[in-house]
Amino acid sequence: MSKLRGSLWSLLIGSGGLLVSSGAALAHHPMGGQTPDTLLTGVLSGIGHPIIGIDHLAFVICVGLASAFVAGRYVTPLAFAAATIAGCAAMLSGITLPYAEIVITGSVVVMGAIILTGRSLPMPALVGLFAVAGLFHGSAYAAAIVGAETTPFAGYLVAFAATQYAIAIAAGWVATAVWNAADASALKPRLAGALMAGIGFAFLAENVEGMLF
């Protein structure tokens, strides 16, 4: 069993490393680094951010998986989406959150590990975790819309929040309707949590290495 677990984690971390190398350069630039200047480009940027930022996408999936087995399964993802908007607003107001990339990637590891344990956290605990993590995730992604005018900025925020919410709800739906998981202890959601944790660990290791060297 221990050898199996070791092999699983090696596979997960290796997969995460490949995702890092392929997606890190695009993580914060869905429009190729161009600041959105129209409603359409603002919306497209908002849709793209939660998808091409692999570490962020992994956390949004974790939000859906962790929320799937609590009473407020449709409410708790809103806490994360709202917090990312607040994080964007804080960054654009000049409030910079420290060690944002470390916290972001660390949050993926933590949430993936929680899901892997097969235990369902109480709704207030999930809301708190999602709110704190959302502030940092939103702050990091705000860099792509610095200097945007009101219309593209509004389009970005609406699309960004809606896309995250849709992804989270879809992840929860897959767990309960496709995998037929009755509770958080089911195998497939736990394996998905392990995969997310492995991806988060690969990004976290890269960020720590960047800080040290």
N, C-alpha and C. Protein backbone atom coordinates (compact mmCIF):
# COMPACT_ATOMS: atom_id res chain seq x y z
N MET A 1 0.83 -1.21 0.00
CA MET A 1 0.00 0.00 0.00
C MET A 1 0.86 1.26 0.00
N SER A 2 1.95 1.23 0.81
CA SER A 2 2.82 2.41 0.88
C SER A 2 3.51 2.66 -0.46
N LYS A 3 3.90 1.54 -1.16
CA LYS A 3 4.52 1.70 -2.47
C LYS A 3 3.53 2.28 -3.47
N LEU A 4 2.26 1.85 -3.37
CA LEU A 4 1.22 2.37 -4.26
C LEU A 4 1.03 3.85 -4.04
N ARG A 5 0.97 4.25 -2.78
CA ARG A 5 0.81 5.67 -2.47
C ARG A 5 1.99 6.48 -2.98
N GLY A 6 3.20 5.93 -2.79
CA GLY A 6 4.38 6.64 -3.27
C GLY A 6 4.37 6.81 -4.77
N SER A 7 3.95 5.78 -5.48
CA SER A 7 3.87 5.85 -6.94
C SER A 7 2.82 6.86 -7.39
N LEU A 8 1.68 6.86 -6.66
CA LEU A 8 0.62 7.80 -7.00
C LEU A 8 1.08 9.24 -6.85
N TRP A 9 1.75 9.53 -5.73
CA TRP A 9 2.21 10.90 -5.51
C TRP A 9 3.29 11.28 -6.51
N SER A 10 4.16 10.34 -6.89
CA SER A 10 5.16 10.64 -7.90
C SER A 10 4.52 11.00 -9.22
N LEU A 11 3.47 10.24 -9.58
CA LEU A 11 2.75 10.52 -10.82
C LEU A 11 2.07 11.87 -10.76
N LEU A 12 1.44 12.18 -9.62
CA LEU A 12 0.73 13.44 -9.48
C LEU A 12 1.68 14.62 -9.57
N ILE A 13 2.79 14.52 -8.86
CA ILE A 13 3.75 15.62 -8.85
C ILE A 13 4.37 15.79 -10.23
N GLY A 14 4.67 14.65 -10.90
CA GLY A 14 5.21 14.74 -12.25
C GLY A 14 4.23 15.38 -13.22
N SER A 15 2.96 15.02 -13.10
CA SER A 15 1.93 15.61 -13.95
C SER A 15 1.81 17.10 -13.68
N GLY A 16 1.87 17.46 -12.42
CA GLY A 16 1.81 18.87 -12.08
C GLY A 16 2.98 19.64 -12.66
N GLY A 17 4.18 18.99 -12.65
CA GLY A 17 5.34 19.65 -13.22
C GLY A 17 5.18 19.93 -14.70
N LEU A 18 4.60 18.98 -15.43
CA LEU A 18 4.35 19.20 -16.85
C LEU A 18 3.38 20.34 -17.07
N LEU A 19 2.35 20.43 -16.22
CA LEU A 19 1.38 21.51 -16.34
C LEU A 19 2.02 22.85 -16.04
N VAL A 20 2.92 22.85 -15.06
CA VAL A 20 3.63 24.10 -14.74
C VAL A 20 4.40 24.58 -15.94
N SER A 21 5.18 23.67 -16.55
CA SER A 21 6.03 24.09 -17.66
C SER A 21 5.23 24.54 -18.87
N SER A 22 4.03 23.97 -19.06
CA SER A 22 3.23 24.32 -20.23
C SER A 22 2.32 25.50 -20.00
N GLY A 23 1.92 25.73 -18.74
CA GLY A 23 0.91 26.75 -18.52
C GLY A 23 1.32 27.95 -17.72
N ALA A 24 2.45 27.93 -17.05
CA ALA A 24 2.80 29.03 -16.16
C ALA A 24 2.96 30.35 -16.90
N ALA A 25 3.53 30.29 -18.11
CA ALA A 25 3.77 31.52 -18.84
C ALA A 25 2.49 32.22 -19.24
N LEU A 26 1.40 31.46 -19.38
CA LEU A 26 0.12 32.04 -19.80
C LEU A 26 -0.81 32.34 -18.64
N ALA A 27 -0.40 31.97 -17.42
CA ALA A 27 -1.33 31.93 -16.30
C ALA A 27 -2.07 33.24 -16.06
N HIS A 28 -1.40 34.37 -16.27
CA HIS A 28 -2.03 35.64 -15.96
C HIS A 28 -2.25 36.50 -17.20
N HIS A 29 -2.18 35.90 -18.39
CA HIS A 29 -2.25 36.71 -19.61
C HIS A 29 -3.13 36.05 -20.67
N PRO A 30 -4.43 35.96 -20.45
CA PRO A 30 -5.30 35.34 -21.45
C PRO A 30 -5.40 36.13 -22.74
N MET A 31 -5.08 37.44 -22.71
CA MET A 31 -5.13 38.27 -23.91
C MET A 31 -3.72 38.57 -24.42
N GLY A 32 -2.78 37.66 -24.12
CA GLY A 32 -1.42 37.85 -24.57
C GLY A 32 -0.71 39.01 -23.91
N GLY A 33 -1.16 39.39 -22.72
CA GLY A 33 -0.55 40.49 -21.99
C GLY A 33 -1.17 41.84 -22.28
N GLN A 34 -2.12 41.90 -23.23
CA GLN A 34 -2.77 43.16 -23.58
C GLN A 34 -3.88 43.48 -22.58
N THR A 35 -3.92 44.71 -22.13
CA THR A 35 -4.98 45.14 -21.22
C THR A 35 -6.30 45.22 -21.98
N PRO A 36 -7.37 44.60 -21.46
CA PRO A 36 -8.67 44.67 -22.14
C PRO A 36 -9.09 46.12 -22.39
N ASP A 37 -9.55 46.41 -23.61
CA ASP A 37 -9.94 47.78 -23.94
C ASP A 37 -11.36 47.90 -24.46
N THR A 38 -12.07 46.77 -24.53
CA THR A 38 -13.47 46.78 -24.92
C THR A 38 -14.24 45.84 -24.01
N LEU A 39 -15.56 45.91 -24.08
CA LEU A 39 -16.38 44.99 -23.28
C LEU A 39 -16.07 43.54 -23.65
N LEU A 40 -15.93 43.27 -24.96
CA LEU A 40 -15.67 41.91 -25.41
C LEU A 40 -14.35 41.37 -24.89
N THR A 41 -13.29 42.17 -25.02
CA THR A 41 -11.99 41.69 -24.54
C THR A 41 -11.97 41.54 -23.02
N GLY A 42 -12.75 42.40 -22.34
CA GLY A 42 -12.86 42.26 -20.89
C GLY A 42 -13.54 40.95 -20.52
N VAL A 43 -14.63 40.62 -21.22
CA VAL A 43 -15.35 39.37 -20.96
C VAL A 43 -14.47 38.17 -21.30
N LEU A 44 -13.79 38.21 -22.45
CA LEU A 44 -12.94 37.09 -22.85
C LEU A 44 -11.80 36.88 -21.86
N SER A 45 -11.24 37.97 -21.38
CA SER A 45 -10.17 37.86 -20.39
C SER A 45 -10.70 37.26 -19.10
N GLY A 46 -11.91 37.67 -18.69
CA GLY A 46 -12.50 37.13 -17.48
C GLY A 46 -12.82 35.65 -17.59
N ILE A 47 -13.21 35.22 -18.78
CA ILE A 47 -13.48 33.80 -19.00
C ILE A 47 -12.18 33.00 -19.03
N GLY A 48 -11.17 33.59 -19.67
CA GLY A 48 -9.91 32.87 -19.85
C GLY A 48 -9.11 32.66 -18.59
N HIS A 49 -9.13 33.65 -17.70
CA HIS A 49 -8.30 33.58 -16.50
C HIS A 49 -8.50 32.33 -15.67
N PRO A 50 -9.73 31.97 -15.31
CA PRO A 50 -9.89 30.78 -14.46
C PRO A 50 -9.55 29.47 -15.18
N ILE A 51 -9.39 29.52 -16.50
CA ILE A 51 -9.16 28.30 -17.26
C ILE A 51 -7.69 28.08 -17.55
N ILE A 52 -6.97 29.12 -18.00
CA ILE A 52 -5.58 28.94 -18.40
C ILE A 52 -4.61 29.05 -17.24
N GLY A 53 -5.04 29.59 -16.12
CA GLY A 53 -4.19 29.60 -14.93
C GLY A 53 -4.35 28.25 -14.23
N ILE A 54 -3.45 27.30 -14.48
CA ILE A 54 -3.64 25.92 -14.04
C ILE A 54 -3.78 25.82 -12.52
N ASP A 55 -2.95 26.55 -11.78
CA ASP A 55 -3.05 26.47 -10.32
C ASP A 55 -4.38 27.04 -9.84
N HIS A 56 -4.83 28.11 -10.49
CA HIS A 56 -6.11 28.70 -10.12
C HIS A 56 -7.25 27.76 -10.49
N LEU A 57 -7.19 27.16 -11.67
CA LEU A 57 -8.22 26.22 -12.09
C LEU A 57 -8.30 25.05 -11.12
N ALA A 58 -7.15 24.56 -10.67
CA ALA A 58 -7.13 23.44 -9.72
C ALA A 58 -7.86 23.82 -8.43
N PHE A 59 -7.67 25.06 -7.98
CA PHE A 59 -8.34 25.46 -6.75
C PHE A 59 -9.85 25.59 -6.96
N VAL A 60 -10.26 26.12 -8.10
CA VAL A 60 -11.69 26.25 -8.37
C VAL A 60 -12.35 24.87 -8.42
N ILE A 61 -11.65 23.90 -9.00
CA ILE A 61 -12.16 22.53 -8.99
C ILE A 61 -12.28 22.02 -7.56
N CYS A 62 -11.27 22.33 -6.74
CA CYS A 62 -11.33 21.95 -5.32
C CYS A 62 -12.55 22.58 -4.63
N VAL A 63 -12.83 23.82 -4.96
CA VAL A 63 -14.00 24.49 -4.40
C VAL A 63 -15.27 23.69 -4.70
N GLY A 64 -15.40 23.26 -5.94
CA GLY A 64 -16.58 22.48 -6.33
C GLY A 64 -16.64 21.13 -5.66
N LEU A 65 -15.50 20.43 -5.58
CA LEU A 65 -15.47 19.11 -4.97
C LEU A 65 -15.75 19.18 -3.47
N ALA A 66 -15.17 20.17 -2.81
CA ALA A 66 -15.37 20.31 -1.36
C ALA A 66 -16.79 20.76 -1.04
N SER A 67 -17.41 21.50 -1.96
CA SER A 67 -18.77 22.01 -1.72
C SER A 67 -19.85 20.99 -2.06
N ALA A 68 -19.48 19.96 -2.82
CA ALA A 68 -20.48 19.03 -3.35
C ALA A 68 -21.24 18.27 -2.27
N PHE A 69 -20.64 18.13 -1.09
CA PHE A 69 -21.24 17.29 -0.06
C PHE A 69 -21.65 18.07 1.18
N VAL A 70 -21.87 19.37 1.03
CA VAL A 70 -22.38 20.18 2.14
C VAL A 70 -23.73 20.75 1.74
N ALA A 71 -24.49 21.17 2.74
CA ALA A 71 -25.85 21.64 2.48
C ALA A 71 -25.87 22.86 1.55
N GLY A 72 -24.89 23.73 1.68
CA GLY A 72 -24.85 24.93 0.85
C GLY A 72 -23.97 24.78 -0.36
N ARG A 73 -24.14 23.67 -1.09
CA ARG A 73 -23.25 23.37 -2.22
C ARG A 73 -23.30 24.42 -3.31
N TYR A 74 -24.40 25.15 -3.43
CA TYR A 74 -24.51 26.20 -4.44
C TYR A 74 -24.16 27.58 -3.88
N VAL A 75 -23.99 27.64 -2.57
CA VAL A 75 -23.71 28.92 -1.91
C VAL A 75 -22.23 29.10 -1.66
N THR A 76 -21.56 28.05 -1.17
CA THR A 76 -20.15 28.19 -0.81
C THR A 76 -19.25 28.62 -1.97
N PRO A 77 -19.48 28.16 -3.21
CA PRO A 77 -18.64 28.67 -4.31
C PRO A 77 -18.80 30.17 -4.53
N LEU A 78 -19.97 30.71 -4.16
CA LEU A 78 -20.17 32.16 -4.29
C LEU A 78 -19.23 32.93 -3.38
N ALA A 79 -18.92 32.35 -2.22
CA ALA A 79 -17.99 33.01 -1.29
C ALA A 79 -16.62 33.18 -1.93
N PHE A 80 -16.18 32.14 -2.64
CA PHE A 80 -14.89 32.23 -3.32
C PHE A 80 -14.93 33.24 -4.45
N ALA A 81 -15.97 33.17 -5.29
CA ALA A 81 -16.08 34.09 -6.42
C ALA A 81 -16.13 35.54 -5.95
N ALA A 82 -16.91 35.79 -4.90
CA ALA A 82 -17.01 37.15 -4.37
C ALA A 82 -15.67 37.62 -3.80
N ALA A 83 -14.96 36.72 -3.14
CA ALA A 83 -13.67 37.09 -2.55
C ALA A 83 -12.63 37.39 -3.62
N THR A 84 -12.69 36.69 -4.77
CA THR A 84 -11.74 37.01 -5.83
C THR A 84 -11.99 38.41 -6.38
N ILE A 85 -13.25 38.80 -6.47
CA ILE A 85 -13.56 40.16 -6.92
C ILE A 85 -13.04 41.17 -5.91
N ALA A 86 -13.22 40.87 -4.63
CA ALA A 86 -12.70 41.76 -3.58
C ALA A 86 -11.19 41.85 -3.66
N GLY A 87 -10.53 40.72 -3.95
CA GLY A 87 -9.07 40.72 -4.08
C GLY A 87 -8.62 41.56 -5.26
N CYS A 88 -9.35 41.47 -6.37
CA CYS A 88 -9.05 42.32 -7.54
C CYS A 88 -9.16 43.79 -7.17
N ALA A 89 -10.27 44.14 -6.51
CA ALA A 89 -10.51 45.53 -6.14
C ALA A 89 -9.44 46.04 -5.19
N ALA A 90 -9.02 45.20 -4.24
CA ALA A 90 -7.99 45.60 -3.28
C ALA A 90 -6.67 45.88 -3.98
N MET A 91 -6.30 45.01 -4.91
CA MET A 91 -5.04 45.20 -5.62
C MET A 91 -5.07 46.46 -6.46
N LEU A 92 -6.19 46.71 -7.14
CA LEU A 92 -6.31 47.90 -7.97
C LEU A 92 -6.39 49.17 -7.14
N SER A 93 -6.72 49.02 -5.86
CA SER A 93 -6.75 50.17 -4.95
C SER A 93 -5.40 50.42 -4.30
N GLY A 94 -4.42 49.59 -4.65
CA GLY A 94 -3.07 49.78 -4.12
C GLY A 94 -2.73 48.90 -2.95
N ILE A 95 -3.61 47.97 -2.60
CA ILE A 95 -3.36 47.07 -1.48
C ILE A 95 -2.75 45.78 -2.03
N THR A 96 -1.49 45.54 -1.74
CA THR A 96 -0.78 44.37 -2.24
C THR A 96 -0.70 43.32 -1.13
N LEU A 97 -1.18 42.15 -1.40
CA LEU A 97 -1.13 41.06 -0.42
C LEU A 97 0.23 40.37 -0.50
N PRO A 98 0.86 40.12 0.64
CA PRO A 98 2.22 39.54 0.63
C PRO A 98 2.21 38.06 0.24
N TYR A 99 3.29 37.66 -0.44
CA TYR A 99 3.50 36.25 -0.80
C TYR A 99 2.28 35.63 -1.47
N ALA A 100 1.67 36.38 -2.38
CA ALA A 100 0.42 35.93 -3.00
C ALA A 100 0.58 34.60 -3.72
N GLU A 101 1.64 34.44 -4.51
CA GLU A 101 1.80 33.21 -5.27
C GLU A 101 2.02 32.01 -4.36
N ILE A 102 2.74 32.22 -3.26
CA ILE A 102 2.96 31.13 -2.31
C ILE A 102 1.64 30.74 -1.66
N VAL A 103 0.85 31.72 -1.27
CA VAL A 103 -0.44 31.43 -0.64
C VAL A 103 -1.38 30.74 -1.63
N ILE A 104 -1.38 31.21 -2.88
CA ILE A 104 -2.26 30.63 -3.89
C ILE A 104 -1.93 29.15 -4.12
N THR A 105 -0.68 28.87 -4.39
CA THR A 105 -0.31 27.48 -4.65
C THR A 105 -0.44 26.62 -3.39
N GLY A 106 -0.13 27.22 -2.24
CA GLY A 106 -0.30 26.50 -0.99
C GLY A 106 -1.76 26.17 -0.72
N SER A 107 -2.66 27.08 -1.12
CA SER A 107 -4.09 26.83 -0.91
C SER A 107 -4.57 25.64 -1.73
N VAL A 108 -3.99 25.46 -2.92
CA VAL A 108 -4.35 24.31 -3.74
C VAL A 108 -3.93 23.01 -3.05
N VAL A 109 -2.72 23.02 -2.50
CA VAL A 109 -2.23 21.83 -1.79
C VAL A 109 -3.13 21.52 -0.60
N VAL A 110 -3.46 22.54 0.18
CA VAL A 110 -4.27 22.34 1.38
C VAL A 110 -5.65 21.81 1.04
N MET A 111 -6.33 22.46 0.07
CA MET A 111 -7.68 22.03 -0.27
C MET A 111 -7.67 20.64 -0.91
N GLY A 112 -6.68 20.36 -1.75
CA GLY A 112 -6.59 19.03 -2.34
C GLY A 112 -6.38 17.97 -1.28
N ALA A 113 -5.54 18.29 -0.29
CA ALA A 113 -5.27 17.35 0.79
C ALA A 113 -6.53 17.12 1.64
N ILE A 114 -7.28 18.18 1.88
CA ILE A 114 -8.52 18.05 2.65
C ILE A 114 -9.50 17.12 1.93
N ILE A 115 -9.64 17.31 0.63
CA ILE A 115 -10.53 16.45 -0.15
C ILE A 115 -10.03 15.01 -0.14
N LEU A 116 -8.72 14.85 -0.22
CA LEU A 116 -8.12 13.51 -0.21
C LEU A 116 -8.43 12.75 1.09
N THR A 117 -8.56 13.45 2.20
CA THR A 117 -8.85 12.77 3.47
C THR A 117 -10.24 12.15 3.49
N GLY A 118 -11.13 12.62 2.61
CA GLY A 118 -12.48 12.07 2.58
C GLY A 118 -13.39 12.64 3.64
N ARG A 119 -12.99 13.75 4.25
CA ARG A 119 -13.81 14.37 5.27
C ARG A 119 -14.44 15.65 4.73
N SER A 120 -15.68 15.86 5.06
CA SER A 120 -16.40 17.05 4.62
C SER A 120 -16.38 18.11 5.72
N LEU A 121 -15.84 19.28 5.40
CA LEU A 121 -15.77 20.36 6.38
C LEU A 121 -17.14 21.02 6.53
N PRO A 122 -17.41 21.59 7.71
CA PRO A 122 -18.66 22.34 7.89
C PRO A 122 -18.71 23.54 6.95
N MET A 123 -19.89 23.93 6.59
CA MET A 123 -20.06 25.03 5.65
C MET A 123 -19.36 26.31 6.10
N PRO A 124 -19.46 26.75 7.38
CA PRO A 124 -18.76 27.98 7.79
C PRO A 124 -17.25 27.88 7.60
N ALA A 125 -16.67 26.71 7.84
CA ALA A 125 -15.23 26.54 7.65
C ALA A 125 -14.86 26.67 6.18
N LEU A 126 -15.67 26.07 5.31
CA LEU A 126 -15.40 26.18 3.88
C LEU A 126 -15.50 27.63 3.41
N VAL A 127 -16.53 28.31 3.85
CA VAL A 127 -16.71 29.71 3.46
C VAL A 127 -15.50 30.54 3.88
N GLY A 128 -15.01 30.30 5.10
CA GLY A 128 -13.84 31.04 5.58
C GLY A 128 -12.60 30.75 4.76
N LEU A 129 -12.36 29.48 4.48
CA LEU A 129 -11.19 29.11 3.67
C LEU A 129 -11.29 29.69 2.26
N PHE A 130 -12.48 29.58 1.66
CA PHE A 130 -12.66 30.10 0.31
C PHE A 130 -12.50 31.61 0.26
N ALA A 131 -12.98 32.29 1.28
CA ALA A 131 -12.90 33.75 1.30
C ALA A 131 -11.45 34.22 1.39
N VAL A 132 -10.68 33.60 2.29
CA VAL A 132 -9.27 33.99 2.43
C VAL A 132 -8.49 33.68 1.16
N ALA A 133 -8.66 32.47 0.65
CA ALA A 133 -7.94 32.09 -0.57
C ALA A 133 -8.37 32.97 -1.74
N GLY A 134 -9.66 33.28 -1.82
CA GLY A 134 -10.16 34.09 -2.93
C GLY A 134 -9.54 35.47 -2.99
N LEU A 135 -9.27 36.07 -1.85
CA LEU A 135 -8.63 37.38 -1.82
C LEU A 135 -7.27 37.34 -2.52
N PHE A 136 -6.49 36.30 -2.24
CA PHE A 136 -5.16 36.18 -2.83
C PHE A 136 -5.23 35.82 -4.31
N HIS A 137 -6.14 34.90 -4.66
CA HIS A 137 -6.30 34.54 -6.07
C HIS A 137 -6.72 35.77 -6.89
N GLY A 138 -7.68 36.52 -6.38
CA GLY A 138 -8.15 37.70 -7.09
C GLY A 138 -7.09 38.77 -7.21
N SER A 139 -6.31 38.94 -6.15
CA SER A 139 -5.25 39.95 -6.17
C SER A 139 -4.22 39.65 -7.26
N ALA A 140 -3.87 38.37 -7.40
CA ALA A 140 -2.87 38.00 -8.42
C ALA A 140 -3.39 38.24 -9.82
N TYR A 141 -4.65 37.98 -10.05
CA TYR A 141 -5.20 38.11 -11.40
C TYR A 141 -5.55 39.54 -11.77
N ALA A 142 -5.60 40.42 -10.81
CA ALA A 142 -5.94 41.82 -11.10
C ALA A 142 -4.88 42.50 -11.94
N ALA A 143 -3.66 41.95 -11.92
CA ALA A 143 -2.57 42.58 -12.67
C ALA A 143 -2.90 42.69 -14.16
N ALA A 144 -3.72 41.78 -14.67
CA ALA A 144 -4.03 41.77 -16.10
C ALA A 144 -5.00 42.87 -16.50
N ILE A 145 -5.66 43.51 -15.54
CA ILE A 145 -6.63 44.54 -15.90
C ILE A 145 -6.26 45.91 -15.34
N VAL A 146 -5.04 46.04 -14.86
CA VAL A 146 -4.58 47.36 -14.41
C VAL A 146 -4.61 48.32 -15.59
N GLY A 147 -5.26 49.45 -15.43
CA GLY A 147 -5.35 50.44 -16.49
C GLY A 147 -6.57 50.31 -17.37
N ALA A 148 -7.36 49.25 -17.18
CA ALA A 148 -8.55 49.08 -18.00
C ALA A 148 -9.62 50.10 -17.64
N GLU A 149 -10.39 50.53 -18.62
CA GLU A 149 -11.48 51.47 -18.38
C GLU A 149 -12.68 50.75 -17.78
N THR A 150 -13.70 51.52 -17.42
CA THR A 150 -14.82 50.99 -16.65
C THR A 150 -15.54 49.84 -17.35
N THR A 151 -15.83 49.98 -18.66
CA THR A 151 -16.60 48.96 -19.36
C THR A 151 -15.88 47.62 -19.45
N PRO A 152 -14.64 47.57 -19.95
CA PRO A 152 -13.94 46.27 -19.97
C PRO A 152 -13.68 45.73 -18.57
N PHE A 153 -13.46 46.64 -17.62
CA PHE A 153 -13.23 46.21 -16.24
C PHE A 153 -14.47 45.50 -15.69
N ALA A 154 -15.64 46.08 -15.92
CA ALA A 154 -16.89 45.48 -15.45
C ALA A 154 -17.14 44.14 -16.14
N GLY A 155 -16.88 44.09 -17.46
CA GLY A 155 -17.05 42.85 -18.20
C GLY A 155 -16.13 41.76 -17.68
N TYR A 156 -14.91 42.15 -17.34
CA TYR A 156 -13.94 41.19 -16.80
C TYR A 156 -14.44 40.60 -15.48
N LEU A 157 -14.84 41.45 -14.55
CA LEU A 157 -15.24 40.98 -13.23
C LEU A 157 -16.45 40.05 -13.30
N VAL A 158 -17.44 40.42 -14.10
CA VAL A 158 -18.65 39.59 -14.22
C VAL A 158 -18.29 38.23 -14.82
N ALA A 159 -17.52 38.24 -15.91
CA ALA A 159 -17.15 36.98 -16.56
C ALA A 159 -16.23 36.14 -15.69
N PHE A 160 -15.32 36.79 -14.99
CA PHE A 160 -14.38 36.10 -14.09
C PHE A 160 -15.14 35.36 -12.99
N ALA A 161 -16.07 36.08 -12.34
CA ALA A 161 -16.84 35.48 -11.26
C ALA A 161 -17.76 34.37 -11.78
N ALA A 162 -18.44 34.62 -12.89
CA ALA A 162 -19.39 33.64 -13.43
C ALA A 162 -18.68 32.37 -13.89
N THR A 163 -17.51 32.51 -14.51
CA THR A 163 -16.78 31.34 -14.99
C THR A 163 -16.30 30.49 -13.83
N GLN A 164 -15.78 31.13 -12.80
CA GLN A 164 -15.34 30.38 -11.62
C GLN A 164 -16.50 29.62 -10.99
N TYR A 165 -17.62 30.29 -10.87
CA TYR A 165 -18.79 29.66 -10.26
C TYR A 165 -19.24 28.46 -11.10
N ALA A 166 -19.27 28.63 -12.41
CA ALA A 166 -19.70 27.56 -13.31
C ALA A 166 -18.77 26.35 -13.22
N ILE A 167 -17.46 26.60 -13.17
CA ILE A 167 -16.49 25.51 -13.07
C ILE A 167 -16.67 24.76 -11.75
N ALA A 168 -16.84 25.51 -10.66
CA ALA A 168 -17.01 24.87 -9.35
C ALA A 168 -18.28 24.02 -9.31
N ILE A 169 -19.37 24.56 -9.81
CA ILE A 169 -20.63 23.81 -9.83
C ILE A 169 -20.50 22.57 -10.71
N ALA A 170 -19.82 22.71 -11.85
CA ALA A 170 -19.62 21.58 -12.75
C ALA A 170 -18.79 20.48 -12.09
N ALA A 171 -17.76 20.88 -11.34
CA ALA A 171 -16.93 19.89 -10.64
C ALA A 171 -17.75 19.13 -9.61
N GLY A 172 -18.60 19.84 -8.88
CA GLY A 172 -19.46 19.18 -7.90
C GLY A 172 -20.46 18.25 -8.57
N TRP A 173 -20.98 18.68 -9.71
CA TRP A 173 -21.93 17.86 -10.45
C TRP A 173 -21.29 16.57 -10.94
N VAL A 174 -20.07 16.67 -11.44
CA VAL A 174 -19.35 15.47 -11.88
C VAL A 174 -19.19 14.48 -10.72
N ALA A 175 -18.83 15.03 -9.56
CA ALA A 175 -18.62 14.16 -8.39
C ALA A 175 -19.89 13.43 -7.98
N THR A 176 -21.01 14.13 -7.98
CA THR A 176 -22.25 13.53 -7.47
C THR A 176 -23.07 12.82 -8.54
N ALA A 177 -23.11 13.36 -9.75
CA ALA A 177 -23.98 12.80 -10.78
C ALA A 177 -23.27 11.84 -11.72
N VAL A 178 -22.02 12.13 -12.06
CA VAL A 178 -21.27 11.28 -13.00
C VAL A 178 -20.56 10.15 -12.25
N TRP A 179 -19.86 10.53 -11.16
CA TRP A 179 -19.16 9.53 -10.36
C TRP A 179 -20.07 8.85 -9.35
N ASN A 180 -21.28 9.38 -9.17
CA ASN A 180 -22.25 8.83 -8.21
C ASN A 180 -21.69 8.73 -6.79
N ALA A 181 -20.89 9.72 -6.42
CA ALA A 181 -20.34 9.75 -5.06
C ALA A 181 -21.41 10.20 -4.08
N ALA A 182 -21.64 9.41 -3.04
CA ALA A 182 -22.68 9.73 -2.06
C ALA A 182 -22.19 10.69 -0.99
N ASP A 183 -20.89 10.69 -0.72
CA ASP A 183 -20.34 11.59 0.29
C ASP A 183 -18.86 11.82 0.00
N ALA A 184 -18.23 12.63 0.86
CA ALA A 184 -16.85 13.03 0.62
C ALA A 184 -15.86 11.88 0.72
N SER A 185 -16.27 10.76 1.31
CA SER A 185 -15.35 9.63 1.48
C SER A 185 -15.26 8.75 0.24
N ALA A 186 -16.05 9.04 -0.79
CA ALA A 186 -16.01 8.24 -2.02
C ALA A 186 -14.63 8.34 -2.67
N LEU A 187 -14.24 7.28 -3.37
CA LEU A 187 -12.87 7.18 -3.89
C LEU A 187 -12.55 8.21 -4.96
N LYS A 188 -13.42 8.37 -5.96
CA LYS A 188 -13.08 9.23 -7.10
C LYS A 188 -12.89 10.70 -6.72
N PRO A 189 -13.76 11.29 -5.88
CA PRO A 189 -13.47 12.67 -5.45
C PRO A 189 -12.16 12.77 -4.69
N ARG A 190 -11.85 11.76 -3.90
CA ARG A 190 -10.59 11.79 -3.14
C ARG A 190 -9.39 11.72 -4.08
N LEU A 191 -9.48 10.89 -5.11
CA LEU A 191 -8.38 10.82 -6.08
C LEU A 191 -8.24 12.14 -6.84
N ALA A 192 -9.38 12.77 -7.14
CA ALA A 192 -9.33 14.08 -7.79
C ALA A 192 -8.66 15.10 -6.87
N GLY A 193 -8.96 15.02 -5.58
CA GLY A 193 -8.30 15.90 -4.62
C GLY A 193 -6.80 15.67 -4.58
N ALA A 194 -6.40 14.40 -4.68
CA ALA A 194 -4.97 14.08 -4.71
C ALA A 194 -4.30 14.68 -5.93
N LEU A 195 -4.99 14.60 -7.07
CA LEU A 195 -4.43 15.19 -8.30
C LEU A 195 -4.27 16.70 -8.15
N MET A 196 -5.29 17.37 -7.59
CA MET A 196 -5.21 18.82 -7.40
C MET A 196 -4.07 19.17 -6.45
N ALA A 197 -3.92 18.38 -5.38
CA ALA A 197 -2.84 18.63 -4.44
C ALA A 197 -1.48 18.47 -5.10
N GLY A 198 -1.36 17.46 -5.98
CA GLY A 198 -0.10 17.25 -6.69
C GLY A 198 0.23 18.41 -7.62
N ILE A 199 -0.79 18.92 -8.31
CA ILE A 199 -0.59 20.08 -9.17
C ILE A 199 -0.16 21.28 -8.33
N GLY A 200 -0.87 21.51 -7.22
CA GLY A 200 -0.53 22.62 -6.35
C GLY A 200 0.88 22.51 -5.81
N PHE A 201 1.30 21.30 -5.46
CA PHE A 201 2.64 21.11 -4.91
C PHE A 201 3.71 21.44 -5.94
N ALA A 202 3.47 21.05 -7.20
CA ALA A 202 4.44 21.35 -8.26
C ALA A 202 4.61 22.85 -8.43
N PHE A 203 3.49 23.60 -8.44
CA PHE A 203 3.56 25.06 -8.56
C PHE A 203 4.20 25.68 -7.32
N LEU A 204 3.85 25.15 -6.15
CA LEU A 204 4.41 25.68 -4.91
C LEU A 204 5.93 25.50 -4.88
N ALA A 205 6.38 24.32 -5.27
CA ALA A 205 7.82 24.05 -5.29
C ALA A 205 8.54 25.02 -6.23
N GLU A 206 7.94 25.28 -7.39
CA GLU A 206 8.55 26.21 -8.34
C GLU A 206 8.63 27.61 -7.76
N ASN A 207 7.57 28.05 -7.08
CA ASN A 207 7.57 29.39 -6.49
C ASN A 207 8.58 29.52 -5.36
N VAL A 208 8.67 28.48 -4.53
CA VAL A 208 9.64 28.51 -3.44
C VAL A 208 11.06 28.53 -3.99
N GLU A 209 11.30 27.71 -5.02
CA GLU A 209 12.61 27.70 -5.65
C GLU A 209 12.96 29.06 -6.22
N GLY A 210 11.97 29.72 -6.82
CA GLY A 210 12.20 31.05 -7.38
C GLY A 210 12.56 32.07 -6.31
N MET A 211 11.96 31.93 -5.14
CA MET A 211 12.25 32.85 -4.04
C MET A 211 13.66 32.61 -3.49
N LEU A 212 14.06 31.34 -3.43
CA LEU A 212 15.35 31.00 -2.82
C LEU A 212 16.51 31.21 -3.76
N PHE A 213 16.27 31.01 -5.06
CA PHE A 213 17.38 31.05 -6.01
C PHE A 213 17.13 32.05 -7.13
